[in-house]
Amino acid sequence: MVEMYCRHHHGFAKLCESCVELADYADRKLDRCPYGGEKPACTNCPIHCYSPEQRERMREAMRFAGPRMLWTHPYLAIRHLLDEGRQPPDLPKTGERS
């Protein structure tokens, strides 16, 4: 999604420095997410891990790229739509074993 946004708004074939920074930030946050592979869509997540500035930047990129994903990556777009309806699982309390 960030690549689509950057290509259209910044006109580069590859990600510009600002968009590389945003994509790296998102990757770091996903790697550290306590939900792991069960992570819900950000709109349904009780943990807001992005800083307000980065959250707004990602929201802007997703608003642009989301509708266009159906044409360029239909499988990923449908999978993302299905994920939006998923609620987060309960996290184990501190000190409990899973």
PDB file of N, CA and C in Angstrom:
ATOM      1  N   MET A   1       0.826  -1.193   0.000  1.00  0.00           N
ATOM      2  CA  MET A   1       0.000   0.000   0.000  1.00  0.00           C
ATOM      3  C   MET A   1       0.870   1.257   0.000  1.00  0.00           C
ATOM      4  N   VAL A   2       1.953   1.213   0.755  1.00  0.00           N
ATOM      5  CA  VAL A   2       2.848   2.371   0.811  1.00  0.00           C
ATOM      6  C   VAL A   2       3.500   2.593  -0.557  1.00  0.00           C
ATOM      7  N   GLU A   3       3.836   1.500  -1.245  1.00  0.00           N
ATOM      8  CA  GLU A   3       4.435   1.635  -2.577  1.00  0.00           C
ATOM      9  C   GLU A   3       3.468   2.292  -3.556  1.00  0.00           C
ATOM     10  N   MET A   4       2.210   1.877  -3.528  1.00  0.00           N
ATOM     11  CA  MET A   4       1.207   2.477  -4.414  1.00  0.00           C
ATOM     12  C   MET A   4       1.046   3.970  -4.114  1.00  0.00           C
ATOM     13  N   TYR A   5       0.980   4.284  -2.845  1.00  0.00           N
ATOM     14  CA  TYR A   5       0.819   5.672  -2.424  1.00  0.00           C
ATOM     15  C   TYR A   5       2.011   6.520  -2.872  1.00  0.00           C
ATOM     16  N   CYS A   6       3.211   6.021  -2.638  1.00  0.00           N
ATOM     17  CA  CYS A   6       4.421   6.770  -2.971  1.00  0.00           C
ATOM     18  C   CYS A   6       4.545   6.979  -4.477  1.00  0.00           C
ATOM     19  N   ARG A   7       4.292   5.923  -5.230  1.00  0.00           N
ATOM     20  CA  ARG A   7       4.396   6.012  -6.688  1.00  0.00           C
ATOM     21  C   ARG A   7       3.463   7.107  -7.223  1.00  0.00           C
ATOM     22  N   HIS A   8       2.245   7.181  -6.699  1.00  0.00           N
ATOM     23  CA  HIS A   8       1.280   8.166  -7.191  1.00  0.00           C
ATOM     24  C   HIS A   8       1.539   9.572  -6.659  1.00  0.00           C
ATOM     25  N   HIS A   9       1.847   9.695  -5.372  1.00  0.00           N
ATOM     26  CA  HIS A   9       1.986  11.017  -4.761  1.00  0.00           C
ATOM     27  C   HIS A   9       3.386  11.622  -4.882  1.00  0.00           C
ATOM     28  N   HIS A  10       4.403  10.791  -4.916  1.00  0.00           N
ATOM     29  CA  HIS A  10       5.764  11.307  -4.949  1.00  0.00           C
ATOM     30  C   HIS A  10       6.458  11.069  -6.290  1.00  0.00           C
ATOM     31  N   GLY A  11       5.864  10.232  -7.139  1.00  0.00           N
ATOM     32  CA  GLY A  11       6.343  10.054  -8.499  1.00  0.00           C
ATOM     33  C   GLY A  11       7.634   9.265  -8.663  1.00  0.00           C
ATOM     34  N   PHE A  12       7.989   8.454  -7.676  1.00  0.00           N
ATOM     35  CA  PHE A  12       9.214   7.672  -7.778  1.00  0.00           C
ATOM     36  C   PHE A  12       8.891   6.230  -8.143  1.00  0.00           C
ATOM     37  N   ALA A  13       9.783   5.599  -8.896  1.00  0.00           N
ATOM     38  CA  ALA A  13       9.611   4.182  -9.225  1.00  0.00           C
ATOM     39  C   ALA A  13       9.827   3.330  -7.974  1.00  0.00           C
ATOM     40  N   LYS A  14      10.755   3.752  -7.131  1.00  0.00           N
ATOM     41  CA  LYS A  14      10.997   3.085  -5.851  1.00  0.00           C
ATOM     42  C   LYS A  14      10.517   4.010  -4.744  1.00  0.00           C
ATOM     43  N   LEU A  15      10.461   3.488  -3.523  1.00  0.00           N
ATOM     44  CA  LEU A  15      10.002   4.300  -2.395  1.00  0.00           C
ATOM     45  C   LEU A  15      10.957   5.462  -2.128  1.00  0.00           C
ATOM     46  N   CYS A  16      10.383   6.624  -1.861  1.00  0.00           N
ATOM     47  CA  CYS A  16      11.196   7.765  -1.461  1.00  0.00           C
ATOM     48  C   CYS A  16      11.646   7.565  -0.006  1.00  0.00           C
ATOM     49  N   GLU A  17      12.524   8.410   0.459  1.00  0.00           N
ATOM     50  CA  GLU A  17      13.070   8.263   1.811  1.00  0.00           C
ATOM     51  C   GLU A  17      11.982   8.316   2.878  1.00  0.00           C
ATOM     52  N   SER A  18      11.028   9.208   2.710  1.00  0.00           N
ATOM     53  CA  SER A  18       9.941   9.351   3.685  1.00  0.00           C
ATOM     54  C   SER A  18       9.077   8.096   3.741  1.00  0.00           C
ATOM     55  N   CYS A  19       8.787   7.521   2.579  1.00  0.00           N
ATOM     56  CA  CYS A  19       7.949   6.330   2.540  1.00  0.00           C
ATOM     57  C   CYS A  19       8.710   5.086   2.995  1.00  0.00           C
ATOM     58  N   VAL A  20      10.005   5.022   2.750  1.00  0.00           N
ATOM     59  CA  VAL A  20      10.824   3.927   3.274  1.00  0.00           C
ATOM     60  C   VAL A  20      10.775   3.965   4.798  1.00  0.00           C
ATOM     61  N   GLU A  21      10.885   5.169   5.351  1.00  0.00           N
ATOM     62  CA  GLU A  21      10.827   5.342   6.801  1.00  0.00           C
ATOM     63  C   GLU A  21       9.483   4.851   7.352  1.00  0.00           C
ATOM     64  N   LEU A  22       8.395   5.191   6.678  1.00  0.00           N
ATOM     65  CA  LEU A  22       7.060   4.766   7.113  1.00  0.00           C
ATOM     66  C   LEU A  22       6.914   3.246   7.032  1.00  0.00           C
ATOM     67  N   ALA A  23       7.351   2.649   5.939  1.00  0.00           N
ATOM     68  CA  ALA A  23       7.254   1.197   5.776  1.00  0.00           C
ATOM     69  C   ALA A  23       8.112   0.467   6.810  1.00  0.00           C
ATOM     70  N   ASP A  24       9.311   0.966   7.081  1.00  0.00           N
ATOM     71  CA  ASP A  24      10.173   0.360   8.096  1.00  0.00           C
ATOM     72  C   ASP A  24       9.553   0.471   9.483  1.00  0.00           C
ATOM     73  N   TYR A  25       8.963   1.614   9.765  1.00  0.00           N
ATOM     74  CA  TYR A  25       8.291   1.834  11.046  1.00  0.00           C
ATOM     75  C   TYR A  25       7.158   0.817  11.227  1.00  0.00           C
ATOM     76  N   ALA A  26       6.355   0.633  10.165  1.00  0.00           N
ATOM     77  CA  ALA A  26       5.243  -0.321  10.223  1.00  0.00           C
ATOM     78  C   ALA A  26       5.767  -1.742  10.437  1.00  0.00           C
ATOM     79  N   ASP A  27       6.836  -2.111   9.738  1.00  0.00           N
ATOM     80  CA  ASP A  27       7.417  -3.451   9.905  1.00  0.00           C
ATOM     81  C   ASP A  27       7.905  -3.680  11.328  1.00  0.00           C
ATOM     82  N   ARG A  28       8.563  -2.682  11.900  1.00  0.00           N
ATOM     83  CA  ARG A  28       9.053  -2.810  13.288  1.00  0.00           C
ATOM     84  C   ARG A  28       7.893  -2.997  14.252  1.00  0.00           C
ATOM     85  N   LYS A  29       6.842  -2.228  14.060  1.00  0.00           N
ATOM     86  CA  LYS A  29       5.681  -2.328  14.950  1.00  0.00           C
ATOM     87  C   LYS A  29       4.997  -3.685  14.818  1.00  0.00           C
ATOM     88  N   LEU A  30       4.878  -4.193  13.602  1.00  0.00           N
ATOM     89  CA  LEU A  30       4.269  -5.510  13.397  1.00  0.00           C
ATOM     90  C   LEU A  30       5.122  -6.618  14.008  1.00  0.00           C
ATOM     91  N   ASP A  31       6.438  -6.489  13.890  1.00  0.00           N
ATOM     92  CA  ASP A  31       7.338  -7.500  14.474  1.00  0.00           C
ATOM     93  C   ASP A  31       7.213  -7.563  15.991  1.00  0.00           C
ATOM     94  N   ARG A  32       6.912  -6.437  16.612  1.00  0.00           N
ATOM     95  CA  ARG A  32       6.837  -6.369  18.082  1.00  0.00           C
ATOM     96  C   ARG A  32       5.422  -6.538  18.622  1.00  0.00           C
ATOM     97  N   CYS A  33       4.463  -6.756  17.745  1.00  0.00           N
ATOM     98  CA  CYS A  33       3.066  -6.844  18.171  1.00  0.00           C
ATOM     99  C   CYS A  33       2.847  -8.065  19.058  1.00  0.00           C
ATOM    100  N   PRO A  34       2.222  -7.883  20.236  1.00  0.00           N
ATOM    101  CA  PRO A  34       1.974  -9.020  21.125  1.00  0.00           C
ATOM    102  C   PRO A  34       0.962 -10.015  20.552  1.00  0.00           C
ATOM    103  N   TYR A  35       0.173  -9.609  19.566  1.00  0.00           N
ATOM    104  CA  TYR A  35      -0.789 -10.521  18.953  1.00  0.00           C
ATOM    105  C   TYR A  35      -0.144 -11.429  17.918  1.00  0.00           C
ATOM    106  N   GLY A  36       1.013 -11.064  17.416  1.00  0.00           N
ATOM    107  CA  GLY A  36       1.704 -11.885  16.426  1.00  0.00           C
ATOM    108  C   GLY A  36       0.850 -12.090  15.191  1.00  0.00           C
ATOM    109  N   GLY A  37       0.737 -13.332  14.735  1.00  0.00           N
ATOM    110  CA  GLY A  37      -0.029 -13.661  13.542  1.00  0.00           C
ATOM    111  C   GLY A  37      -1.520 -13.492  13.707  1.00  0.00           C
ATOM    112  N   GLU A  38      -1.988 -13.352  14.929  1.00  0.00           N
ATOM    113  CA  GLU A  38      -3.415 -13.174  15.198  1.00  0.00           C
ATOM    114  C   GLU A  38      -3.812 -11.706  15.270  1.00  0.00           C
ATOM    115  N   LYS A  39      -2.909 -10.820  14.845  1.00  0.00           N
ATOM    116  CA  LYS A  39      -3.181  -9.392  14.938  1.00  0.00           C
ATOM    117  C   LYS A  39      -4.410  -9.013  14.126  1.00  0.00           C
ATOM    118  N   PRO A  40      -5.340  -8.301  14.743  1.00  0.00           N
ATOM    119  CA  PRO A  40      -6.504  -7.821  14.000  1.00  0.00           C
ATOM    120  C   PRO A  40      -6.129  -6.575  13.194  1.00  0.00           C
ATOM    121  N   ALA A  41      -7.041  -6.097  12.384  1.00  0.00           N
ATOM    122  CA  ALA A  41      -6.825  -4.828  11.687  1.00  0.00           C
ATOM    123  C   ALA A  41      -6.655  -3.733  12.739  1.00  0.00           C
ATOM    124  N   CYS A  42      -5.889  -2.735  12.410  1.00  0.00           N
ATOM    125  CA  CYS A  42      -5.595  -1.672  13.383  1.00  0.00           C
ATOM    126  C   CYS A  42      -6.848  -1.009  13.937  1.00  0.00           C
ATOM    127  N   THR A  43      -7.906  -0.924  13.118  1.00  0.00           N
ATOM    128  CA  THR A  43      -9.127  -0.276  13.592  1.00  0.00           C
ATOM    129  C   THR A  43      -9.785  -1.070  14.716  1.00  0.00           C
ATOM    130  N   ASN A  44      -9.551  -2.377  14.790  1.00  0.00           N
ATOM    131  CA  ASN A  44     -10.139  -3.214  15.835  1.00  0.00           C
ATOM    132  C   ASN A  44      -9.169  -3.548  16.951  1.00  0.00           C
ATOM    133  N   CYS A  45      -7.968  -3.049  16.887  1.00  0.00           N
ATOM    134  CA  CYS A  45      -6.943  -3.411  17.858  1.00  0.00           C
ATOM    135  C   CYS A  45      -7.007  -2.502  19.095  1.00  0.00           C
ATOM    136  N   PRO A  46      -6.998  -3.083  20.283  1.00  0.00           N
ATOM    137  CA  PRO A  46      -7.029  -2.260  21.488  1.00  0.00           C
ATOM    138  C   PRO A  46      -5.677  -1.605  21.798  1.00  0.00           C
ATOM    139  N   ILE A  47      -4.627  -2.091  21.169  1.00  0.00           N
ATOM    140  CA  ILE A  47      -3.286  -1.544  21.378  1.00  0.00           C
ATOM    141  C   ILE A  47      -2.962  -0.621  20.218  1.00  0.00           C
ATOM    142  N   HIS A  48      -2.798   0.658  20.481  1.00  0.00           N
ATOM    143  CA  HIS A  48      -2.444   1.598  19.423  1.00  0.00           C
ATOM    144  C   HIS A  48      -0.943   1.833  19.499  1.00  0.00           C
ATOM    145  N   CYS A  49      -0.219   1.092  18.664  1.00  0.00           N
ATOM    146  CA  CYS A  49       1.236   1.084  18.761  1.00  0.00           C
ATOM    147  C   CYS A  49       1.901   2.168  17.914  1.00  0.00           C
ATOM    148  N   TYR A  50       1.189   2.746  16.958  1.00  0.00           N
ATOM    149  CA  TYR A  50       1.771   3.795  16.131  1.00  0.00           C
ATOM    150  C   TYR A  50       1.697   5.123  16.879  1.00  0.00           C
ATOM    151  N   SER A  51       2.699   5.968  16.669  1.00  0.00           N
ATOM    152  CA  SER A  51       2.620   7.321  17.203  1.00  0.00           C
ATOM    153  C   SER A  51       1.539   8.060  16.409  1.00  0.00           C
ATOM    154  N   PRO A  52       0.947   9.097  16.967  1.00  0.00           N
ATOM    155  CA  PRO A  52      -0.130   9.799  16.251  1.00  0.00           C
ATOM    156  C   PRO A  52       0.292  10.284  14.856  1.00  0.00           C
ATOM    157  N   GLU A  53       1.508  10.786  14.734  1.00  0.00           N
ATOM    158  CA  GLU A  53       1.980  11.279  13.428  1.00  0.00           C
ATOM    159  C   GLU A  53       2.086  10.137  12.416  1.00  0.00           C
ATOM    160  N   GLN A  54       2.682   9.029  12.820  1.00  0.00           N
ATOM    161  CA  GLN A  54       2.842   7.887  11.920  1.00  0.00           C
ATOM    162  C   GLN A  54       1.488   7.247  11.612  1.00  0.00           C
ATOM    163  N   ARG A  55       0.599   7.223  12.582  1.00  0.00           N
ATOM    164  CA  ARG A  55      -0.738   6.670  12.367  1.00  0.00           C
ATOM    165  C   ARG A  55      -1.469   7.451  11.282  1.00  0.00           C
ATOM    166  N   GLU A  56      -1.363   8.772  11.327  1.00  0.00           N
ATOM    167  CA  GLU A  56      -2.018   9.600  10.321  1.00  0.00           C
ATOM    168  C   GLU A  56      -1.384   9.402   8.941  1.00  0.00           C
ATOM    169  N   ARG A  57      -0.077   9.287   8.893  1.00  0.00           N
ATOM    170  CA  ARG A  57       0.600   9.041   7.611  1.00  0.00           C
ATOM    171  C   ARG A  57       0.156   7.706   7.012  1.00  0.00           C
ATOM    172  N   MET A  58       0.076   6.662   7.843  1.00  0.00           N
ATOM    173  CA  MET A  58      -0.339   5.351   7.351  1.00  0.00           C
ATOM    174  C   MET A  58      -1.808   5.376   6.953  1.00  0.00           C
ATOM    175  N   ARG A  59      -2.621   6.060   7.709  1.00  0.00           N
ATOM    176  CA  ARG A  59      -4.042   6.173   7.379  1.00  0.00           C
ATOM    177  C   ARG A  59      -4.212   6.824   6.005  1.00  0.00           C
ATOM    178  N   GLU A  60      -3.438   7.864   5.740  1.00  0.00           N
ATOM    179  CA  GLU A  60      -3.499   8.553   4.453  1.00  0.00           C
ATOM    180  C   GLU A  60      -3.091   7.610   3.312  1.00  0.00           C
ATOM    181  N   ALA A  61      -2.019   6.855   3.506  1.00  0.00           N
ATOM    182  CA  ALA A  61      -1.566   5.910   2.480  1.00  0.00           C
ATOM    183  C   ALA A  61      -2.610   4.818   2.250  1.00  0.00           C
ATOM    184  N   MET A  62      -3.205   4.323   3.326  1.00  0.00           N
ATOM    185  CA  MET A  62      -4.187   3.245   3.199  1.00  0.00           C
ATOM    186  C   MET A  62      -5.489   3.746   2.562  1.00  0.00           C
ATOM    187  N   ARG A  63      -5.877   4.969   2.864  1.00  0.00           N
ATOM    188  CA  ARG A  63      -7.080   5.533   2.232  1.00  0.00           C
ATOM    189  C   ARG A  63      -6.903   5.633   0.725  1.00  0.00           C
ATOM    190  N   PHE A  64      -5.697   5.979   0.300  1.00  0.00           N
ATOM    191  CA  PHE A  64      -5.440   6.072  -1.135  1.00  0.00           C
ATOM    192  C   PHE A  64      -5.360   4.687  -1.768  1.00  0.00           C
ATOM    193  N   ALA A  65      -4.554   3.813  -1.186  1.00  0.00           N
ATOM    194  CA  ALA A  65      -4.244   2.532  -1.817  1.00  0.00           C
ATOM    195  C   ALA A  65      -5.332   1.479  -1.631  1.00  0.00           C
ATOM    196  N   GLY A  66      -6.074   1.545  -0.557  1.00  0.00           N
ATOM    197  CA  GLY A  66      -7.073   0.517  -0.258  1.00  0.00           C
ATOM    198  C   GLY A  66      -8.024   0.210  -1.404  1.00  0.00           C
ATOM    199  N   PRO A  67      -8.736   1.210  -1.933  1.00  0.00           N
ATOM    200  CA  PRO A  67      -9.665   0.931  -3.036  1.00  0.00           C
ATOM    201  C   PRO A  67      -8.960   0.427  -4.300  1.00  0.00           C
ATOM    202  N   ARG A  68      -7.739   0.843  -4.514  1.00  0.00           N
ATOM    203  CA  ARG A  68      -6.991   0.435  -5.703  1.00  0.00           C
ATOM    204  C   ARG A  68      -6.428  -0.974  -5.588  1.00  0.00           C
ATOM    205  N   MET A  69      -6.363  -1.488  -4.369  1.00  0.00           N
ATOM    206  CA  MET A  69      -5.836  -2.833  -4.153  1.00  0.00           C
ATOM    207  C   MET A  69      -6.697  -3.894  -4.835  1.00  0.00           C
ATOM    208  N   LEU A  70      -7.991  -3.655  -4.949  1.00  0.00           N
ATOM    209  CA  LEU A  70      -8.868  -4.634  -5.599  1.00  0.00           C
ATOM    210  C   LEU A  70      -8.435  -4.911  -7.031  1.00  0.00           C
ATOM    211  N   TRP A  71      -7.884  -3.924  -7.709  1.00  0.00           N
ATOM    212  CA  TRP A  71      -7.474  -4.100  -9.102  1.00  0.00           C
ATOM    213  C   TRP A  71      -6.060  -4.633  -9.229  1.00  0.00           C
ATOM    214  N   THR A  72      -5.181  -4.253  -8.333  1.00  0.00           N
ATOM    215  CA  THR A  72      -3.781  -4.660  -8.474  1.00  0.00           C
ATOM    216  C   THR A  72      -3.447  -5.931  -7.698  1.00  0.00           C
ATOM    217  N   HIS A  73      -4.053  -6.113  -6.544  1.00  0.00           N
ATOM    218  CA  HIS A  73      -3.794  -7.275  -5.685  1.00  0.00           C
ATOM    219  C   HIS A  73      -5.113  -7.755  -5.076  1.00  0.00           C
ATOM    220  N   PRO A  74      -6.002  -8.335  -5.886  1.00  0.00           N
ATOM    221  CA  PRO A  74      -7.338  -8.680  -5.377  1.00  0.00           C
ATOM    222  C   PRO A  74      -7.326  -9.651  -4.201  1.00  0.00           C
ATOM    223  N   TYR A  75      -6.439 -10.645  -4.223  1.00  0.00           N
ATOM    224  CA  TYR A  75      -6.389 -11.609  -3.115  1.00  0.00           C
ATOM    225  C   TYR A  75      -6.035 -10.911  -1.806  1.00  0.00           C
ATOM    226  N   LEU A  76      -5.020 -10.060  -1.835  1.00  0.00           N
ATOM    227  CA  LEU A  76      -4.617  -9.340  -0.618  1.00  0.00           C
ATOM    228  C   LEU A  76      -5.713  -8.382  -0.152  1.00  0.00           C
ATOM    229  N   ALA A  77      -6.394  -7.751  -1.087  1.00  0.00           N
ATOM    230  CA  ALA A  77      -7.453  -6.812  -0.724  1.00  0.00           C
ATOM    231  C   ALA A  77      -8.601  -7.532  -0.028  1.00  0.00           C
ATOM    232  N   ILE A  78      -9.004  -8.673  -0.563  1.00  0.00           N
ATOM    233  CA  ILE A  78     -10.102  -9.434   0.044  1.00  0.00           C
ATOM    234  C   ILE A  78      -9.684  -9.973   1.409  1.00  0.00           C
ATOM    235  N   ARG A  79      -8.450 -10.452   1.504  1.00  0.00           N
ATOM    236  CA  ARG A  79      -7.952 -10.945   2.790  1.00  0.00           C
ATOM    237  C   ARG A  79      -7.940  -9.831   3.842  1.00  0.00           C
ATOM    238  N   HIS A  80      -7.550  -8.632   3.417  1.00  0.00           N
ATOM    239  CA  HIS A  80      -7.537  -7.494   4.334  1.00  0.00           C
ATOM    240  C   HIS A  80      -8.956  -7.139   4.781  1.00  0.00           C
ATOM    241  N   LEU A  81      -9.909  -7.173   3.865  1.00  0.00           N
ATOM    242  CA  LEU A  81     -11.299  -6.888   4.231  1.00  0.00           C
ATOM    243  C   LEU A  81     -11.827  -7.904   5.238  1.00  0.00           C
ATOM    244  N   LEU A  82     -11.475  -9.159   5.051  1.00  0.00           N
ATOM    245  CA  LEU A  82     -11.896 -10.192   6.005  1.00  0.00           C
ATOM    246  C   LEU A  82     -11.247  -9.981   7.370  1.00  0.00           C
ATOM    247  N   ASP A  83      -9.986  -9.554   7.383  1.00  0.00           N
ATOM    248  CA  ASP A  83      -9.287  -9.292   8.637  1.00  0.00           C
ATOM    249  C   ASP A  83      -9.901  -8.133   9.409  1.00  0.00           C
ATOM    250  N   GLU A  84     -10.490  -7.176   8.699  1.00  0.00           N
ATOM    251  CA  GLU A  84     -11.084  -6.024   9.375  1.00  0.00           C
ATOM    252  C   GLU A  84     -12.221  -6.423  10.303  1.00  0.00           C
ATOM    253  N   GLY A  85     -12.907  -7.524  10.004  1.00  0.00           N
ATOM    254  CA  GLY A  85     -14.009  -7.966  10.835  1.00  0.00           C
ATOM    255  C   GLY A  85     -13.587  -8.810  12.020  1.00  0.00           C
ATOM    256  N   ARG A  86     -12.332  -9.216  12.040  1.00  0.00           N
ATOM    257  CA  ARG A  86     -11.845 -10.104  13.100  1.00  0.00           C
ATOM    258  C   ARG A  86     -11.538  -9.309  14.369  1.00  0.00           C
ATOM    259  N   GLN A  87     -12.005  -9.820  15.485  1.00  0.00           N
ATOM    260  CA  GLN A  87     -11.732  -9.197  16.779  1.00  0.00           C
ATOM    261  C   GLN A  87     -10.435  -9.774  17.351  1.00  0.00           C
ATOM    262  N   PRO A  88      -9.729  -8.990  18.163  1.00  0.00           N
ATOM    263  CA  PRO A  88      -8.467  -9.489  18.720  1.00  0.00           C
ATOM    264  C   PRO A  88      -8.700 -10.573  19.757  1.00  0.00           C
ATOM    265  N   PRO A  89      -7.808 -11.563  19.798  1.00  0.00           N
ATOM    266  CA  PRO A  89      -7.916 -12.586  20.846  1.00  0.00           C
ATOM    267  C   PRO A  89      -7.489 -11.993  22.186  1.00  0.00           C
ATOM    268  N   ASP A  90      -7.861 -12.654  23.264  1.00  0.00           N
ATOM    269  CA  ASP A  90      -7.421 -12.211  24.585  1.00  0.00           C
ATOM    270  C   ASP A  90      -5.940 -12.499  24.731  1.00  0.00           C
ATOM    271  N   LEU A  91      -5.229 -11.528  25.267  1.00  0.00           N
ATOM    272  CA  LEU A  91      -3.805 -11.730  25.547  1.00  0.00           C
ATOM    273  C   LEU A  91      -3.652 -12.352  26.918  1.00  0.00           C
ATOM    274  N   PRO A  92      -2.663 -13.245  27.092  1.00  0.00           N
ATOM    275  CA  PRO A  92      -2.439 -13.793  28.433  1.00  0.00           C
ATOM    276  C   PRO A  92      -2.002 -12.687  29.394  1.00  0.00           C
ATOM    277  N   LYS A  93      -2.453 -12.791  30.595  1.00  0.00           N
ATOM    278  CA  LYS A  93      -2.060 -11.825  31.626  1.00  0.00           C
ATOM    279  C   LYS A  93      -0.585 -12.013  31.944  1.00  0.00           C
ATOM    280  N   THR A  94       0.061 -10.980  32.429  1.00  0.00           N
ATOM    281  CA  THR A  94       1.464 -11.050  32.774  1.00  0.00           C
ATOM    282  C   THR A  94       1.690 -12.149  33.801  1.00  0.00           C
ATOM    283  N   GLY A  95       2.648 -13.012  33.529  1.00  0.00           N
ATOM    284  CA  GLY A  95       2.974 -14.083  34.462  1.00  0.00           C
ATOM    285  C   GLY A  95       2.266 -15.391  34.167  1.00  0.00           C
ATOM    286  N   GLU A  96       1.220 -15.370  33.314  1.00  0.00           N
ATOM    287  CA  GLU A  96       0.529 -16.600  32.955  1.00  0.00           C
ATOM    288  C   GLU A  96       1.240 -17.276  31.804  1.00  0.00           C
ATOM    289  N   ARG A  97       1.149 -18.576  31.769  1.00  0.00           N
ATOM    290  CA  ARG A  97       1.716 -19.328  30.667  1.00  0.00           C
ATOM    291  C   ARG A  97       0.603 -19.705  29.711  1.00  0.00           C
ATOM    292  N   SER A  98       0.938 -19.751  28.433  1.00  0.00           N
ATOM    293  CA  SER A  98      -0.104 -20.128  27.459  1.00  0.00           C
ATOM    294  C   SER A  98       0.002 -21.572  27.074  1.00  0.00           C
TER     295      SER A  98
END
